[in-house]
């Protein structure tokens, strides 16, 4: 049985893997993609919400989202739109245009 304590540990492990993948992306893309796929598997298999992690890992395919390399970012009508270049999934995040 997965408790809240275990979910917190799994979420921390996924965060560590994502940060390591972002650091490794320029040098070793294959390893960075592997780390992001492992983080995606941890999050989905233990029913952990993506939260802010959705900015870095595609929810559909699990690939790392790096602006300019594996993701397009557009500002449209008060929303930030991330588009995965691997599978085409679009993620929208609302922002305040008054800033």
C-alpha atoms as a PDB file:
ATOM      1  CA  UNK A   1       0.000   0.000   0.000  1.00  0.00           C
ATOM      2  CA  UNK A   2       1.320   3.420  -0.956  1.00  0.00           C
ATOM      3  CA  UNK A   3       1.114   5.949   1.853  1.00  0.00           C
ATOM      4  CA  UNK A   4       1.426   9.716   1.665  1.00  0.00           C
ATOM      5  CA  UNK A   5       4.971   9.419   3.011  1.00  0.00           C
ATOM      6  CA  UNK A   6       5.904   7.057   0.171  1.00  0.00           C
ATOM      7  CA  UNK A   7       4.270   9.344  -2.408  1.00  0.00           C
ATOM      8  CA  UNK A   8       6.356  12.238  -1.094  1.00  0.00           C
ATOM      9  CA  UNK A   9       9.524  10.142  -1.447  1.00  0.00           C
ATOM     10  CA  UNK A  10       8.598   9.115  -4.998  1.00  0.00           C
ATOM     11  CA  UNK A  11       7.851  12.757  -5.900  1.00  0.00           C
ATOM     12  CA  UNK A  12      11.252  13.839  -4.553  1.00  0.00           C
ATOM     13  CA  UNK A  13      12.939  11.088  -6.597  1.00  0.00           C
ATOM     14  CA  UNK A  14      11.117  12.260  -9.733  1.00  0.00           C
ATOM     15  CA  UNK A  15      12.142  15.879  -9.036  1.00  0.00           C
ATOM     16  CA  UNK A  16      15.772  14.795  -8.647  1.00  0.00           C
ATOM     17  CA  UNK A  17      15.662  12.862 -11.913  1.00  0.00           C
ATOM     18  CA  UNK A  18      14.112  15.817 -13.759  1.00  0.00           C
ATOM     19  CA  UNK A  19      16.713  18.275 -12.447  1.00  0.00           C
ATOM     20  CA  UNK A  20      19.531  15.870 -13.397  1.00  0.00           C
ATOM     21  CA  UNK A  21      18.012  15.443 -16.860  1.00  0.00           C
ATOM     22  CA  UNK A  22      17.879  19.216 -17.372  1.00  0.00           C
ATOM     23  CA  UNK A  23      21.539  19.506 -16.326  1.00  0.00           C
ATOM     24  CA  UNK A  24      22.614  16.668 -18.649  1.00  0.00           C
ATOM     25  CA  UNK A  25      20.541  17.644 -21.688  1.00  0.00           C
ATOM     26  CA  UNK A  26      23.209  19.655 -23.524  1.00  0.00           C
ATOM     27  CA  UNK A  27      25.944  17.050 -22.959  1.00  0.00           C
ATOM     28  CA  UNK A  28      24.188  13.689 -23.136  1.00  0.00           C
ATOM     29  CA  UNK A  29      20.662  13.818 -24.572  1.00  0.00           C
ATOM     30  CA  UNK A  30      20.115  10.056 -24.479  1.00  0.00           C
ATOM     31  CA  UNK A  31      20.768   9.848 -20.745  1.00  0.00           C
ATOM     32  CA  UNK A  32      18.651  12.953 -20.119  1.00  0.00           C
ATOM     33  CA  UNK A  33      15.723  11.431 -22.050  1.00  0.00           C
ATOM     34  CA  UNK A  34      16.120   8.185 -20.094  1.00  0.00           C
ATOM     35  CA  UNK A  35      16.001  10.082 -16.789  1.00  0.00           C
ATOM     36  CA  UNK A  36      12.844  11.915 -17.849  1.00  0.00           C
ATOM     37  CA  UNK A  37      11.168   8.663 -18.935  1.00  0.00           C
ATOM     38  CA  UNK A  38      11.996   7.096 -15.560  1.00  0.00           C
ATOM     39  CA  UNK A  39      10.561  10.150 -13.769  1.00  0.00           C
ATOM     40  CA  UNK A  40       7.422   9.936 -15.946  1.00  0.00           C
ATOM     41  CA  UNK A  41       7.025   6.244 -15.074  1.00  0.00           C
ATOM     42  CA  UNK A  42       7.431   6.964 -11.347  1.00  0.00           C
ATOM     43  CA  UNK A  43       4.792   9.711 -11.446  1.00  0.00           C
ATOM     44  CA  UNK A  44       2.238   7.766 -13.486  1.00  0.00           C
ATOM     45  CA  UNK A  45       2.646   4.375 -11.826  1.00  0.00           C
ATOM     46  CA  UNK A  46       2.164   5.802  -8.313  1.00  0.00           C
ATOM     47  CA  UNK A  47      -0.657   8.230  -9.267  1.00  0.00           C
ATOM     48  CA  UNK A  48       1.293  11.330  -8.295  1.00  0.00           C
ATOM     49  CA  UNK A  49       0.097  14.634  -9.750  1.00  0.00           C
ATOM     50  CA  UNK A  50       2.490  16.330 -12.160  1.00  0.00           C
ATOM     51  CA  UNK A  51       1.972  19.849 -10.754  1.00  0.00           C
ATOM     52  CA  UNK A  52       4.866  22.122 -11.803  1.00  0.00           C
ATOM     53  CA  UNK A  53       6.656  19.104 -13.270  1.00  0.00           C
ATOM     54  CA  UNK A  54       4.378  19.355 -16.313  1.00  0.00           C
ATOM     55  CA  UNK A  55       6.583  22.205 -17.520  1.00  0.00           C
ATOM     56  CA  UNK A  56       9.547  19.852 -17.826  1.00  0.00           C
ATOM     57  CA  UNK A  57       8.112  16.435 -18.753  1.00  0.00           C
ATOM     58  CA  UNK A  58       5.456  15.715 -21.385  1.00  0.00           C
ATOM     59  CA  UNK A  59       2.454  14.037 -19.792  1.00  0.00           C
ATOM     60  CA  UNK A  60       1.672  11.977 -22.903  1.00  0.00           C
ATOM     61  CA  UNK A  61       5.052  10.647 -24.083  1.00  0.00           C
ATOM     62  CA  UNK A  62       7.318  11.313 -21.079  1.00  0.00           C
ATOM     63  CA  UNK A  63      10.016  13.184 -23.000  1.00  0.00           C
ATOM     64  CA  UNK A  64      11.916  16.094 -21.511  1.00  0.00           C
ATOM     65  CA  UNK A  65      10.556  19.514 -22.560  1.00  0.00           C
ATOM     66  CA  UNK A  66      13.450  21.867 -23.275  1.00  0.00           C
ATOM     67  CA  UNK A  67      12.436  25.159 -24.946  1.00  0.00           C
ATOM     68  CA  UNK A  68      13.886  25.432 -28.432  1.00  0.00           C
ATOM     69  CA  UNK A  69      14.991  21.794 -28.620  1.00  0.00           C
ATOM     70  CA  UNK A  70      12.072  19.530 -27.742  1.00  0.00           C
ATOM     71  CA  UNK A  71       9.305  22.079 -27.086  1.00  0.00           C
ATOM     72  CA  UNK A  72       7.841  25.207 -28.647  1.00  0.00           C
ATOM     73  CA  UNK A  73       6.603  27.941 -26.320  1.00  0.00           C
ATOM     74  CA  UNK A  74       4.082  30.562 -27.394  1.00  0.00           C
ATOM     75  CA  UNK A  75       2.300  33.378 -25.542  1.00  0.00           C
ATOM     76  CA  UNK A  76      -1.302  33.462 -26.837  1.00  0.00           C
ATOM     77  CA  UNK A  77      -4.276  35.326 -25.280  1.00  0.00           C
ATOM     78  CA  UNK A  78      -2.961  35.359 -21.712  1.00  0.00           C
ATOM     79  CA  UNK A  79      -1.758  31.733 -21.837  1.00  0.00           C
ATOM     80  CA  UNK A  80       1.648  30.130 -22.093  1.00  0.00           C
ATOM     81  CA  UNK A  81       1.392  27.233 -24.552  1.00  0.00           C
ATOM     82  CA  UNK A  82       4.008  24.478 -24.457  1.00  0.00           C
ATOM     83  CA  UNK A  83       3.981  22.103 -27.432  1.00  0.00           C
ATOM     84  CA  UNK A  84       5.926  18.847 -27.320  1.00  0.00           C
ATOM     85  CA  UNK A  85       7.769  18.360 -30.604  1.00  0.00           C
ATOM     86  CA  UNK A  86       7.835  14.591 -30.112  1.00  0.00           C
ATOM     87  CA  UNK A  87       4.121  13.793 -29.792  1.00  0.00           C
ATOM     88  CA  UNK A  88       2.408  17.159 -30.417  1.00  0.00           C
ATOM     89  CA  UNK A  89       0.653  17.494 -27.048  1.00  0.00           C
ATOM     90  CA  UNK A  90      -0.071  21.090 -26.010  1.00  0.00           C
ATOM     91  CA  UNK A  91      -0.026  22.297 -22.397  1.00  0.00           C
ATOM     92  CA  UNK A  92      -1.656  25.642 -21.532  1.00  0.00           C
ATOM     93  CA  UNK A  93      -0.890  27.680 -18.428  1.00  0.00           C
ATOM     94  CA  UNK A  94      -2.737  30.919 -17.638  1.00  0.00           C
ATOM     95  CA  UNK A  95      -0.659  33.950 -16.697  1.00  0.00           C
ATOM     96  CA  UNK A  96      -1.482  37.504 -15.654  1.00  0.00           C
ATOM     97  CA  UNK A  97      -1.009  39.898 -18.583  1.00  0.00           C
ATOM     98  CA  UNK A  98      -0.919  42.972 -16.312  1.00  0.00           C
ATOM     99  CA  UNK A  99       2.667  42.305 -15.192  1.00  0.00           C
END
